[in-house]
Amino acid sequence: MSESPWKEIWPDDVSRRPVPHAMNVHVDEVQEQALEWARDIGIVSSEKFFQECMECGYARFSSLAYPNASLADLSLATRWTVFLFAVDVHTDETPYDSLSPEYLAFLRNMGTIVSPKANSPIEPESLKSPFGRALLELWITSRTQFKNPGWERRFSRCFHEYQSSVLWEIALRRTGEVPDYLTFSTYKLRSCVAPIGVGLVELISPTVLPDAVLDSFLMENVRLLVCDLINMVTDLGSLQREHAFEAVPNTFTSLQHTLGSTSHETVRHYTSLLQARMNTLLSIRDRIEYFYPSTCAHERHIPAAKDYIDEVILWLGGSMEFIHESHRYSPGVDVALES
């Protein structure tokens, strides 16, 4: 396989920690168990997606993205990953008019299912969908395994945004309208699963930080920066993959439409945006003592804050490696530039 084009975007220190050999021994077993769970509960909606699961190796992806995960954490993270990709595939590759009432009810209730409030009303119809049952099982397992009210609140908010954006994207797809770059990229960032994936870092990371720090504008921007990088890279790497089922396939083509420019000119703009976001992320990490007063927390938490940001960057590096390895995001920018 050719060298990843994203290696030019992030510097040498933005890389994943080597996965322990002992963990590698269990990756295949974790993968098999996750796929068995997904098929039994009914979220593997097609043989095509099952083959994608086998080829992509979502357990390996989880071991790359969460290199500090225990075996139990790796198993749970892999099931979350399979579930999120299953939702993405089913929503994207099923015509709107063919989505079942149960699935649409699930889409309307995703945020409610993962609400920290035990008495939040859930439409019974949504739990008739295997996706609704899978999400409820994952949520209960995660709450039982970790018991972190702060994480539950932050994670639930990510899901509410994901739910709203997916529903808006479906509506936009029906109209066929072409939004400007800023509008498109804003909702696309929330409709991808990256914010949910990076939310799991908090559970798996050994770093302990007060909620005031994790809720701060600073840390929120760290998470948004890495999610935006993932969102932009997957869009640029899947130019051909998504043309079949979206009026505007990705933020790259939205930027090209907004600029009215050629593909090569848009690549230059897009790469500049990628580099600027990466530089901002690393600047926060490397100069956190200057940014830290914005969290209104004690300076004794600075070392732990740096460790947490490093964990998030490890997640970014692992995700980037998976993106490069996965056939899901091929053929890549070098093939699609002139299309």
C-alpha atoms as a PDB file:
ATOM      1  CA  MET A   1       0.000   0.000   0.000  1.00  0.00           C
ATOM      2  CA  SER A   2       1.258   3.495  -0.837  1.00  0.00           C
ATOM      3  CA  GLU A   3       2.393   5.925   1.810  1.00  0.00           C
ATOM      4  CA  SER A   4      -0.545   7.717   3.432  1.00  0.00           C
ATOM      5  CA  PRO A   5      -1.086  11.203   1.946  1.00  0.00           C
ATOM      6  CA  TRP A   6      -2.054  12.357   5.439  1.00  0.00           C
ATOM      7  CA  LYS A   7       1.506  11.778   6.689  1.00  0.00           C
ATOM      8  CA  GLU A   8       2.289  15.158   5.168  1.00  0.00           C
ATOM      9  CA  ILE A   9      -0.464  16.793   7.208  1.00  0.00           C
ATOM     10  CA  TRP A  10       0.449  15.664  10.697  1.00  0.00           C
ATOM     11  CA  PRO A  11       3.976  15.756  12.167  1.00  0.00           C
ATOM     12  CA  ASP A  12       5.954  12.816  13.476  1.00  0.00           C
ATOM     13  CA  ASP A  13       4.753  13.154  17.068  1.00  0.00           C
ATOM     14  CA  VAL A  14       1.103  12.751  16.055  1.00  0.00           C
ATOM     15  CA  SER A  15       1.192   8.991  15.926  1.00  0.00           C
ATOM     16  CA  ARG A  16      -0.321   6.130  17.797  1.00  0.00           C
ATOM     17  CA  ARG A  17       1.415   4.265  20.568  1.00  0.00           C
ATOM     18  CA  PRO A  18       2.323   0.686  19.543  1.00  0.00           C
ATOM     19  CA  VAL A  19      -0.438  -1.741  20.422  1.00  0.00           C
ATOM     20  CA  PRO A  20       0.821  -4.205  23.054  1.00  0.00           C
ATOM     21  CA  HIS A  21       1.571  -7.652  21.656  1.00  0.00           C
ATOM     22  CA  ALA A  22      -0.741  -9.253  24.193  1.00  0.00           C
ATOM     23  CA  MET A  23      -3.610  -7.142  22.864  1.00  0.00           C
ATOM     24  CA  ASN A  24      -2.869  -8.141  19.267  1.00  0.00           C
ATOM     25  CA  VAL A  25      -3.392 -11.754  20.274  1.00  0.00           C
ATOM     26  CA  HIS A  26      -7.014 -10.967  21.206  1.00  0.00           C
ATOM     27  CA  VAL A  27      -7.968  -8.644  18.340  1.00  0.00           C
ATOM     28  CA  ASP A  28      -9.320 -11.408  16.084  1.00  0.00           C
ATOM     29  CA  GLU A  29     -11.372 -12.836  18.938  1.00  0.00           C
ATOM     30  CA  VAL A  30     -12.800  -9.421  19.785  1.00  0.00           C
ATOM     31  CA  GLN A  31     -13.629  -8.867  16.100  1.00  0.00           C
ATOM     32  CA  GLU A  32     -15.430 -12.192  15.849  1.00  0.00           C
ATOM     33  CA  GLN A  33     -17.450 -11.571  19.010  1.00  0.00           C
ATOM     34  CA  ALA A  34     -18.436  -8.068  17.907  1.00  0.00           C
ATOM     35  CA  LEU A  35     -19.656  -9.285  14.516  1.00  0.00           C
ATOM     36  CA  GLU A  36     -21.531 -12.161  16.118  1.00  0.00           C
ATOM     37  CA  TRP A  37     -23.236  -9.666  18.444  1.00  0.00           C
ATOM     38  CA  ALA A  38     -24.084  -7.380  15.519  1.00  0.00           C
ATOM     39  CA  ARG A  39     -25.594 -10.187  13.460  1.00  0.00           C
ATOM     40  CA  ASP A  40     -27.531 -11.626  16.384  1.00  0.00           C
ATOM     41  CA  ILE A  41     -29.057  -8.273  17.302  1.00  0.00           C
ATOM     42  CA  GLY A  42     -29.811  -7.523  13.645  1.00  0.00           C
ATOM     43  CA  ILE A  43     -27.793  -4.414  12.747  1.00  0.00           C
ATOM     44  CA  VAL A  44     -25.810  -6.096   9.967  1.00  0.00           C
ATOM     45  CA  SER A  45     -28.374  -5.261   7.342  1.00  0.00           C
ATOM     46  CA  SER A  46     -26.554  -6.607   4.307  1.00  0.00           C
ATOM     47  CA  GLU A  47     -23.903  -9.102   3.289  1.00  0.00           C
ATOM     48  CA  LYS A  48     -22.014  -6.182   1.746  1.00  0.00           C
ATOM     49  CA  PHE A  49     -21.678  -4.507   5.144  1.00  0.00           C
ATOM     50  CA  PHE A  50     -20.690  -7.785   6.792  1.00  0.00           C
ATOM     51  CA  GLN A  51     -17.884  -8.200   4.255  1.00  0.00           C
ATOM     52  CA  GLU A  52     -16.823  -4.615   4.915  1.00  0.00           C
ATOM     53  CA  CYS A  53     -16.655  -5.417   8.626  1.00  0.00           C
ATOM     54  CA  MET A  54     -14.440  -8.381   7.874  1.00  0.00           C
ATOM     55  CA  GLU A  55     -12.165  -6.424   5.530  1.00  0.00           C
ATOM     56  CA  CYS A  56     -11.878  -3.273   7.654  1.00  0.00           C
ATOM     57  CA  GLY A  57     -11.228  -5.090  10.909  1.00  0.00           C
ATOM     58  CA  TYR A  58     -13.063  -2.841  13.346  1.00  0.00           C
ATOM     59  CA  ALA A  59     -11.406  -4.502  16.342  1.00  0.00           C
ATOM     60  CA  ARG A  60      -8.020  -3.560  14.920  1.00  0.00           C
ATOM     61  CA  PHE A  61      -9.296  -0.030  14.378  1.00  0.00           C
ATOM     62  CA  SER A  62     -10.343   0.112  18.033  1.00  0.00           C
ATOM     63  CA  SER A  63      -6.916  -1.113  19.133  1.00  0.00           C
ATOM     64  CA  LEU A  64      -5.331   1.665  17.044  1.00  0.00           C
ATOM     65  CA  ALA A  65      -7.692   4.384  18.220  1.00  0.00           C
ATOM     66  CA  TYR A  66      -7.705   3.335  21.894  1.00  0.00           C
ATOM     67  CA  PRO A  67      -4.199   1.938  22.469  1.00  0.00           C
ATOM     68  CA  ASN A  68      -4.593   2.056  26.268  1.00  0.00           C
ATOM     69  CA  ALA A  69      -7.783  -0.020  26.285  1.00  0.00           C
ATOM     70  CA  SER A  70      -8.044  -3.126  28.422  1.00  0.00           C
ATOM     71  CA  LEU A  71      -9.492  -6.235  26.801  1.00  0.00           C
ATOM     72  CA  ALA A  72     -12.946  -5.420  28.208  1.00  0.00           C
ATOM     73  CA  ASP A  73     -12.676  -1.817  27.019  1.00  0.00           C
ATOM     74  CA  LEU A  74     -11.497  -2.949  23.588  1.00  0.00           C
ATOM     75  CA  SER A  75     -14.468  -5.277  23.275  1.00  0.00           C
ATOM     76  CA  LEU A  76     -16.935  -2.514  24.179  1.00  0.00           C
ATOM     77  CA  ALA A  77     -15.219   0.047  21.930  1.00  0.00           C
ATOM     78  CA  THR A  78     -15.336  -2.412  19.021  1.00  0.00           C
ATOM     79  CA  ARG A  79     -19.057  -2.994  19.456  1.00  0.00           C
ATOM     80  CA  TRP A  80     -19.626   0.771  19.572  1.00  0.00           C
ATOM     81  CA  THR A  81     -17.570   1.096  16.370  1.00  0.00           C
ATOM     82  CA  VAL A  82     -19.468  -1.629  14.519  1.00  0.00           C
ATOM     83  CA  PHE A  83     -22.762  -0.087  15.634  1.00  0.00           C
ATOM     84  CA  LEU A  84     -21.815   3.437  14.491  1.00  0.00           C
ATOM     85  CA  PHE A  85     -20.595   2.264  11.088  1.00  0.00           C
ATOM     86  CA  ALA A  86     -23.737   0.131  10.719  1.00  0.00           C
ATOM     87  CA  VAL A  87     -25.918   3.206  11.335  1.00  0.00           C
ATOM     88  CA  ASP A  88     -23.830   5.235   8.900  1.00  0.00           C
ATOM     89  CA  VAL A  89     -24.046   2.605   6.163  1.00  0.00           C
ATOM     90  CA  HIS A  90     -27.752   1.890   6.621  1.00  0.00           C
ATOM     91  CA  THR A  91     -28.697   5.582   6.639  1.00  0.00           C
ATOM     92  CA  ASP A  92     -26.496   6.505   3.702  1.00  0.00           C
ATOM     93  CA  GLU A  93     -27.154   3.562   1.427  1.00  0.00           C
ATOM     94  CA  THR A  94     -30.904   3.215   1.922  1.00  0.00           C
ATOM     95  CA  PRO A  95     -33.146   5.594  -0.053  1.00  0.00           C
ATOM     96  CA  TYR A  96     -35.112   7.806   2.323  1.00  0.00           C
ATOM     97  CA  ASP A  97     -38.473   6.472   1.162  1.00  0.00           C
ATOM     98  CA  SER A  98     -37.277   2.932   1.915  1.00  0.00           C
ATOM     99  CA  LEU A  99     -36.292   3.554   5.562  1.00  0.00           C
ATOM    100  CA  SER A 100     -38.675   1.661   7.836  1.00  0.00           C
ATOM    101  CA  PRO A 101     -40.928   3.486  10.344  1.00  0.00           C
ATOM    102  CA  GLU A 102     -39.058   1.686  13.134  1.00  0.00           C
ATOM    103  CA  TYR A 103     -35.700   2.927  11.859  1.00  0.00           C
ATOM    104  CA  LEU A 104     -36.951   6.495  11.466  1.00  0.00           C
ATOM    105  CA  ALA A 105     -38.282   6.302  15.036  1.00  0.00           C
ATOM    106  CA  PHE A 106     -34.827   5.124  16.132  1.00  0.00           C
ATOM    107  CA  LEU A 107     -33.208   8.101  14.368  1.00  0.00           C
ATOM    108  CA  ARG A 108     -35.613  10.450  16.170  1.00  0.00           C
ATOM    109  CA  ASN A 109     -34.858   8.832  19.518  1.00  0.00           C
ATOM    110  CA  MET A 110     -31.090   8.271  19.487  1.00  0.00           C
ATOM    111  CA  GLY A 111     -30.460  11.178  21.839  1.00  0.00           C
ATOM    112  CA  THR A 112     -33.256  10.104  24.156  1.00  0.00           C
ATOM    113  CA  ILE A 113     -31.975   6.526  24.384  1.00  0.00           C
ATOM    114  CA  VAL A 114     -28.595   7.764  25.636  1.00  0.00           C
ATOM    115  CA  SER A 115     -30.008  10.423  27.920  1.00  0.00           C
ATOM    116  CA  PRO A 116     -28.538  10.447  31.448  1.00  0.00           C
ATOM    117  CA  LYS A 117     -32.091  10.914  32.750  1.00  0.00           C
ATOM    118  CA  ALA A 118     -33.608   7.536  33.498  1.00  0.00           C
ATOM    119  CA  ASN A 119     -37.174   8.839  32.995  1.00  0.00           C
ATOM    120  CA  SER A 120     -36.684  10.284  29.509  1.00  0.00           C
ATOM    121  CA  PRO A 121     -39.599   9.143  27.291  1.00  0.00           C
ATOM    122  CA  ILE A 122     -38.555   6.825  24.457  1.00  0.00           C
ATOM    123  CA  GLU A 123     -40.899   6.067  21.575  1.00  0.00           C
ATOM    124  CA  PRO A 124     -41.675   2.329  21.874  1.00  0.00           C
ATOM    125  CA  GLU A 125     -41.489   2.113  18.071  1.00  0.00           C
ATOM    126  CA  SER A 126     -37.780   3.037  18.177  1.00  0.00           C
ATOM    127  CA  LEU A 127     -36.921  -0.032  20.251  1.00  0.00           C
ATOM    128  CA  LYS A 128     -38.595  -2.262  17.687  1.00  0.00           C
ATOM    129  CA  SER A 129     -35.644  -1.427  15.465  1.00  0.00           C
ATOM    130  CA  PRO A 130     -32.572  -3.610  16.086  1.00  0.00           C
ATOM    131  CA  PHE A 131     -30.530  -0.397  15.979  1.00  0.00           C
ATOM    132  CA  GLY A 132     -32.518   0.990  18.889  1.00  0.00           C
ATOM    133  CA  ARG A 133     -32.040  -2.192  20.896  1.00  0.00           C
ATOM    134  CA  ALA A 134     -28.315  -2.234  20.109  1.00  0.00           C
ATOM    135  CA  LEU A 135     -27.866   1.380  21.200  1.00  0.00           C
ATOM    136  CA  LEU A 136     -29.749   0.804  24.438  1.00  0.00           C
ATOM    137  CA  GLU A 137     -27.622  -2.256  25.226  1.00  0.00           C
ATOM    138  CA  LEU A 138     -24.376  -0.393  24.536  1.00  0.00           C
ATOM    139  CA  TRP A 139     -25.495   2.571  26.632  1.00  0.00           C
ATOM    140  CA  ILE A 140     -26.496   0.437  29.616  1.00  0.00           C
ATOM    141  CA  THR A 141     -23.261  -1.558  29.396  1.00  0.00           C
ATOM    142  CA  SER A 142     -21.154   1.601  29.248  1.00  0.00           C
ATOM    143  CA  ARG A 143     -22.955   3.215  32.195  1.00  0.00           C
ATOM    144  CA  THR A 144     -22.621   0.058  34.254  1.00  0.00           C
ATOM    145  CA  GLN A 145     -18.972  -0.480  33.364  1.00  0.00           C
ATOM    146  CA  PHE A 146     -17.786   3.068  33.994  1.00  0.00           C
ATOM    147  CA  LYS A 147     -20.319   4.995  36.148  1.00  0.00           C
ATOM    148  CA  ASN A 148     -19.154   8.460  35.082  1.00  0.00           C
ATOM    149  CA  PRO A 149     -21.990  11.028  35.181  1.00  0.00           C
ATOM    150  CA  GLY A 150     -19.841  13.727  33.546  1.00  0.00           C
ATOM    151  CA  TRP A 151     -19.004  11.468  30.630  1.00  0.00           C
ATOM    152  CA  GLU A 152     -22.637  10.426  30.291  1.00  0.00           C
ATOM    153  CA  ARG A 153     -23.696  14.049  29.968  1.00  0.00           C
ATOM    154  CA  ARG A 154     -21.004  14.926  27.405  1.00  0.00           C
ATOM    155  CA  PHE A 155     -21.559  11.715  25.422  1.00  0.00           C
ATOM    156  CA  SER A 156     -25.330  12.214  25.427  1.00  0.00           C
ATOM    157  CA  ARG A 157     -24.879  15.721  24.029  1.00  0.00           C
ATOM    158  CA  CYS A 158     -22.758  14.321  21.164  1.00  0.00           C
ATOM    159  CA  PHE A 159     -25.512  11.859  20.332  1.00  0.00           C
ATOM    160  CA  HIS A 160     -28.192  14.564  20.377  1.00  0.00           C
ATOM    161  CA  GLU A 161     -26.137  16.577  17.868  1.00  0.00           C
ATOM    162  CA  TYR A 162     -25.490  13.467  15.774  1.00  0.00           C
ATOM    163  CA  GLN A 163     -29.202  12.668  15.729  1.00  0.00           C
ATOM    164  CA  SER A 164     -30.231  16.191  14.686  1.00  0.00           C
ATOM    165  CA  SER A 165     -27.579  16.382  11.971  1.00  0.00           C
ATOM    166  CA  VAL A 166     -28.403  12.993  10.469  1.00  0.00           C
ATOM    167  CA  LEU A 167     -32.084  13.920  10.239  1.00  0.00           C
ATOM    168  CA  TRP A 168     -31.168  17.265   8.666  1.00  0.00           C
ATOM    169  CA  GLU A 169     -28.840  15.555   6.201  1.00  0.00           C
ATOM    170  CA  ILE A 170     -31.603  13.188   5.131  1.00  0.00           C
ATOM    171  CA  ALA A 171     -33.924  16.142   4.586  1.00  0.00           C
ATOM    172  CA  LEU A 172     -31.221  17.994   2.633  1.00  0.00           C
ATOM    173  CA  ARG A 173     -30.615  14.944   0.479  1.00  0.00           C
ATOM    174  CA  ARG A 174     -34.282  14.918  -0.481  1.00  0.00           C
ATOM    175  CA  THR A 175     -34.200  18.569  -1.597  1.00  0.00           C
ATOM    176  CA  GLY A 176     -31.014  18.177  -3.639  1.00  0.00           C
ATOM    177  CA  GLU A 177     -29.921  21.671  -2.604  1.00  0.00           C
ATOM    178  CA  VAL A 178     -26.223  22.558  -2.506  1.00  0.00           C
ATOM    179  CA  PRO A 179     -25.323  24.447   0.706  1.00  0.00           C
ATOM    180  CA  ASP A 180     -22.289  26.678   1.064  1.00  0.00           C
ATOM    181  CA  TYR A 181     -19.081  25.262   2.548  1.00  0.00           C
ATOM    182  CA  LEU A 182     -19.482  26.652   6.076  1.00  0.00           C
ATOM    183  CA  THR A 183     -23.076  25.438   6.421  1.00  0.00           C
ATOM    184  CA  PHE A 184     -22.250  22.028   5.001  1.00  0.00           C
ATOM    185  CA  SER A 185     -19.057  21.506   7.020  1.00  0.00           C
ATOM    186  CA  THR A 186     -20.752  22.570  10.271  1.00  0.00           C
ATOM    187  CA  TYR A 187     -23.507  19.992  10.076  1.00  0.00           C
ATOM    188  CA  LYS A 188     -21.255  17.380   8.474  1.00  0.00           C
ATOM    189  CA  LEU A 189     -18.944  17.594  11.484  1.00  0.00           C
ATOM    190  CA  ARG A 190     -21.840  16.700  13.756  1.00  0.00           C
ATOM    191  CA  SER A 191     -23.343  14.078  11.469  1.00  0.00           C
ATOM    192  CA  CYS A 192     -20.144  12.014  11.328  1.00  0.00           C
ATOM    193  CA  VAL A 193     -19.395   9.610  14.171  1.00  0.00           C
ATOM    194  CA  ALA A 194     -16.026  11.129  15.120  1.00  0.00           C
ATOM    195  CA  PRO A 195     -17.358  13.136  18.128  1.00  0.00           C
ATOM    196  CA  ILE A 196     -18.821   9.939  19.551  1.00  0.00           C
ATOM    197  CA  GLY A 197     -15.625   7.998  18.908  1.00  0.00           C
ATOM    198  CA  VAL A 198     -13.430  10.600  20.585  1.00  0.00           C
ATOM    199  CA  GLY A 199     -15.925  10.679  23.466  1.00  0.00           C
ATOM    200  CA  LEU A 200     -14.921   7.113  24.309  1.00  0.00           C
ATOM    201  CA  VAL A 201     -11.337   8.306  24.890  1.00  0.00           C
ATOM    202  CA  GLU A 202     -12.446   9.805  28.174  1.00  0.00           C
ATOM    203  CA  LEU A 203     -13.615   6.425  29.416  1.00  0.00           C
ATOM    204  CA  ILE A 204     -10.602   4.448  28.287  1.00  0.00           C
ATOM    205  CA  SER A 205      -7.890   7.007  29.099  1.00  0.00           C
ATOM    206  CA  PRO A 206      -6.109   6.555  32.461  1.00  0.00           C
ATOM    207  CA  THR A 207      -6.023  10.348  32.810  1.00  0.00           C
ATOM    208  CA  VAL A 208      -8.380  11.801  35.417  1.00  0.00           C
ATOM    209  CA  LEU A 209      -9.535  15.401  35.027  1.00  0.00           C
ATOM    210  CA  PRO A 210     -12.303  17.376  36.784  1.00  0.00           C
ATOM    211  CA  ASP A 211     -15.531  17.917  34.861  1.00  0.00           C
ATOM    212  CA  ALA A 212     -14.846  21.666  34.878  1.00  0.00           C
ATOM    213  CA  VAL A 213     -11.763  21.052  32.724  1.00  0.00           C
ATOM    214  CA  LEU A 214     -13.370  18.482  30.416  1.00  0.00           C
ATOM    215  CA  ASP A 215     -16.406  20.765  29.971  1.00  0.00           C
ATOM    216  CA  SER A 216     -14.246  23.818  29.254  1.00  0.00           C
ATOM    217  CA  PHE A 217     -14.159  25.694  25.957  1.00  0.00           C
ATOM    218  CA  LEU A 218     -10.508  24.682  25.613  1.00  0.00           C
ATOM    219  CA  MET A 219     -11.125  20.937  25.774  1.00  0.00           C
ATOM    220  CA  GLU A 220     -14.263  21.220  23.685  1.00  0.00           C
ATOM    221  CA  ASN A 221     -12.151  22.828  20.971  1.00  0.00           C
ATOM    222  CA  VAL A 222      -9.512  20.095  21.242  1.00  0.00           C
ATOM    223  CA  ARG A 223     -12.191  17.506  20.562  1.00  0.00           C
ATOM    224  CA  LEU A 224     -13.728  19.559  17.756  1.00  0.00           C
ATOM    225  CA  LEU A 225     -10.340  20.056  16.095  1.00  0.00           C
ATOM    226  CA  VAL A 226      -9.561  16.335  15.945  1.00  0.00           C
ATOM    227  CA  CYS A 227     -13.095  15.557  14.775  1.00  0.00           C
ATOM    228  CA  ASP A 228     -12.868  18.177  12.052  1.00  0.00           C
ATOM    229  CA  LEU A 229      -9.561  16.704  10.899  1.00  0.00           C
ATOM    230  CA  ILE A 230     -11.138  13.244  10.708  1.00  0.00           C
ATOM    231  CA  ASN A 231     -14.184  14.643   8.933  1.00  0.00           C
ATOM    232  CA  MET A 232     -12.087  16.487   6.335  1.00  0.00           C
ATOM    233  CA  VAL A 233      -9.739  13.578   5.707  1.00  0.00           C
ATOM    234  CA  THR A 234     -12.522  11.019   5.228  1.00  0.00           C
ATOM    235  CA  ASP A 235     -14.346  13.387   2.900  1.00  0.00           C
ATOM    236  CA  LEU A 236     -11.245  14.008   0.810  1.00  0.00           C
ATOM    237  CA  GLY A 237     -10.500  10.288   0.737  1.00  0.00           C
ATOM    238  CA  SER A 238     -13.984   9.258  -0.365  1.00  0.00           C
ATOM    239  CA  LEU A 239     -14.678  11.550  -3.302  1.00  0.00           C
ATOM    240  CA  GLN A 240     -15.964   8.739  -5.507  1.00  0.00           C
ATOM    241  CA  ARG A 241     -17.521   6.567  -2.805  1.00  0.00           C
ATOM    242  CA  GLU A 242     -20.247   9.010  -1.806  1.00  0.00           C
ATOM    243  CA  HIS A 243     -21.351  10.428  -5.157  1.00  0.00           C
ATOM    244  CA  ALA A 244     -24.020   7.764  -5.529  1.00  0.00           C
ATOM    245  CA  PHE A 245     -26.186   8.739  -2.574  1.00  0.00           C
ATOM    246  CA  GLU A 246     -25.705  12.394  -1.594  1.00  0.00           C
ATOM    247  CA  ALA A 247     -26.603  15.528  -3.532  1.00  0.00           C
ATOM    248  CA  VAL A 248     -23.390  17.061  -2.181  1.00  0.00           C
ATOM    249  CA  PRO A 249     -21.100  14.156  -1.311  1.00  0.00           C
ATOM    250  CA  ASN A 250     -18.700  15.853   1.093  1.00  0.00           C
ATOM    251  CA  THR A 251     -17.143  19.039   2.412  1.00  0.00           C
ATOM    252  CA  PHE A 252     -14.480  18.978  -0.300  1.00  0.00           C
ATOM    253  CA  THR A 253     -17.016  19.218  -3.127  1.00  0.00           C
ATOM    254  CA  SER A 254     -19.001  21.758  -1.099  1.00  0.00           C
ATOM    255  CA  LEU A 255     -15.876  23.930  -0.839  1.00  0.00           C
ATOM    256  CA  GLN A 256     -15.230  23.520  -4.570  1.00  0.00           C
ATOM    257  CA  HIS A 257     -18.817  24.563  -5.290  1.00  0.00           C
ATOM    258  CA  THR A 258     -18.534  27.593  -2.979  1.00  0.00           C
ATOM    259  CA  LEU A 259     -15.193  28.699  -4.458  1.00  0.00           C
ATOM    260  CA  GLY A 260     -16.154  27.914  -8.032  1.00  0.00           C
ATOM    261  CA  SER A 261     -12.640  26.565  -8.493  1.00  0.00           C
ATOM    262  CA  THR A 262     -10.936  23.593 -10.120  1.00  0.00           C
ATOM    263  CA  SER A 263     -10.177  20.396  -8.201  1.00  0.00           C
ATOM    264  CA  HIS A 264      -6.476  21.224  -7.929  1.00  0.00           C
ATOM    265  CA  GLU A 265      -7.160  24.739  -6.609  1.00  0.00           C
ATOM    266  CA  THR A 266      -9.633  23.335  -4.092  1.00  0.00           C
ATOM    267  CA  VAL A 267      -7.069  20.786  -2.904  1.00  0.00           C
ATOM    268  CA  ARG A 268      -4.684  23.632  -2.092  1.00  0.00           C
ATOM    269  CA  HIS A 269      -7.361  25.445  -0.096  1.00  0.00           C
ATOM    270  CA  TYR A 270      -8.469  22.252   1.606  1.00  0.00           C
ATOM    271  CA  THR A 271      -4.926  21.233   2.525  1.00  0.00           C
ATOM    272  CA  SER A 272      -4.302  24.678   3.999  1.00  0.00           C
ATOM    273  CA  LEU A 273      -7.377  24.280   6.203  1.00  0.00           C
ATOM    274  CA  LEU A 274      -6.205  20.843   7.319  1.00  0.00           C
ATOM    275  CA  GLN A 275      -2.748  22.152   8.179  1.00  0.00           C
ATOM    276  CA  ALA A 276      -4.150  25.148  10.068  1.00  0.00           C
ATOM    277  CA  ARG A 277      -6.363  22.926  12.211  1.00  0.00           C
ATOM    278  CA  MET A 278      -3.480  20.585  12.983  1.00  0.00           C
ATOM    279  CA  ASN A 279      -1.249  23.499  13.930  1.00  0.00           C
ATOM    280  CA  THR A 280      -3.913  24.892  16.248  1.00  0.00           C
ATOM    281  CA  LEU A 281      -4.315  21.524  17.951  1.00  0.00           C
ATOM    282  CA  LEU A 282      -0.580  21.140  18.512  1.00  0.00           C
ATOM    283  CA  SER A 283      -0.281  24.752  19.675  1.00  0.00           C
ATOM    284  CA  ILE A 284      -2.874  24.122  22.379  1.00  0.00           C
ATOM    285  CA  ARG A 285      -1.068  20.957  23.441  1.00  0.00           C
ATOM    286  CA  ASP A 286       2.401  22.530  23.473  1.00  0.00           C
ATOM    287  CA  ARG A 287       1.419  25.857  25.042  1.00  0.00           C
ATOM    288  CA  ILE A 288      -1.354  24.737  27.333  1.00  0.00           C
ATOM    289  CA  GLU A 289      -0.040  26.801  30.243  1.00  0.00           C
ATOM    290  CA  TYR A 290      -1.033  29.901  28.252  1.00  0.00           C
ATOM    291  CA  PHE A 291      -4.447  28.595  27.282  1.00  0.00           C
ATOM    292  CA  TYR A 292      -5.183  26.919  30.589  1.00  0.00           C
ATOM    293  CA  PRO A 293      -6.603  29.926  32.520  1.00  0.00           C
ATOM    294  CA  SER A 294      -9.592  29.758  30.157  1.00  0.00           C
ATOM    295  CA  THR A 295     -10.677  26.570  31.944  1.00  0.00           C
ATOM    296  CA  CYS A 296     -10.920  28.434  35.283  1.00  0.00           C
ATOM    297  CA  ALA A 297      -9.285  25.433  36.965  1.00  0.00           C
ATOM    298  CA  HIS A 298      -6.188  25.003  39.122  1.00  0.00           C
ATOM    299  CA  GLU A 299      -2.771  24.888  37.456  1.00  0.00           C
ATOM    300  CA  ARG A 300      -2.027  21.593  39.178  1.00  0.00           C
ATOM    301  CA  HIS A 301      -4.200  19.962  36.512  1.00  0.00           C
ATOM    302  CA  ILE A 302      -1.936  21.129  33.663  1.00  0.00           C
ATOM    303  CA  PRO A 303       0.100  17.860  33.460  1.00  0.00           C
ATOM    304  CA  ALA A 304      -3.071  15.768  33.387  1.00  0.00           C
ATOM    305  CA  ALA A 305      -4.585  18.068  30.766  1.00  0.00           C
ATOM    306  CA  LYS A 306      -1.541  17.561  28.561  1.00  0.00           C
ATOM    307  CA  ASP A 307      -1.829  13.803  29.030  1.00  0.00           C
ATOM    308  CA  TYR A 308      -5.497  13.905  28.063  1.00  0.00           C
ATOM    309  CA  ILE A 309      -4.766  15.891  24.906  1.00  0.00           C
ATOM    310  CA  ASP A 310      -2.040  13.387  24.052  1.00  0.00           C
ATOM    311  CA  GLU A 311      -4.601  10.594  24.411  1.00  0.00           C
ATOM    312  CA  VAL A 312      -6.939  12.428  22.044  1.00  0.00           C
ATOM    313  CA  ILE A 313      -4.070  12.874  19.566  1.00  0.00           C
ATOM    314  CA  LEU A 314      -3.316   9.152  19.836  1.00  0.00           C
ATOM    315  CA  TRP A 315      -6.947   8.526  18.926  1.00  0.00           C
ATOM    316  CA  LEU A 316      -6.509  10.860  15.965  1.00  0.00           C
ATOM    317  CA  GLY A 317      -3.356   9.054  14.802  1.00  0.00           C
ATOM    318  CA  GLY A 318      -5.000   5.641  15.112  1.00  0.00           C
ATOM    319  CA  SER A 319      -8.074   6.850  13.254  1.00  0.00           C
ATOM    320  CA  MET A 320      -5.907   8.326  10.486  1.00  0.00           C
ATOM    321  CA  GLU A 321      -4.067   5.031  10.113  1.00  0.00           C
ATOM    322  CA  PHE A 322      -7.344   3.140   9.864  1.00  0.00           C
ATOM    323  CA  ILE A 323      -8.621   5.611   7.256  1.00  0.00           C
ATOM    324  CA  HIS A 324      -5.546   4.996   5.141  1.00  0.00           C
ATOM    325  CA  GLU A 325      -5.778   1.209   5.482  1.00  0.00           C
ATOM    326  CA  SER A 326      -9.522   0.923   4.992  1.00  0.00           C
ATOM    327  CA  HIS A 327     -11.014   0.253   1.568  1.00  0.00           C
ATOM    328  CA  ARG A 328     -13.986   2.286   2.767  1.00  0.00           C
ATOM    329  CA  TYR A 329     -12.092   5.501   2.023  1.00  0.00           C
ATOM    330  CA  SER A 330     -10.432   4.455  -1.213  1.00  0.00           C
ATOM    331  CA  PRO A 331      -9.447   5.122  -3.975  1.00  0.00           C
ATOM    332  CA  GLY A 332      -8.212   8.364  -2.469  1.00  0.00           C
ATOM    333  CA  VAL A 333      -7.491  11.861  -3.620  1.00  0.00           C
ATOM    334  CA  ASP A 334      -4.825  10.985  -6.202  1.00  0.00           C
ATOM    335  CA  VAL A 335      -7.377   9.037  -8.255  1.00  0.00           C
ATOM    336  CA  ALA A 336     -10.351  11.362  -7.868  1.00  0.00           C
ATOM    337  CA  LEU A 337      -8.832  14.790  -8.445  1.00  0.00           C
ATOM    338  CA  GLU A 338      -9.712  15.019 -12.115  1.00  0.00           C
ATOM    339  CA  SER A 339     -13.094  13.321 -11.901  1.00  0.00           C
END
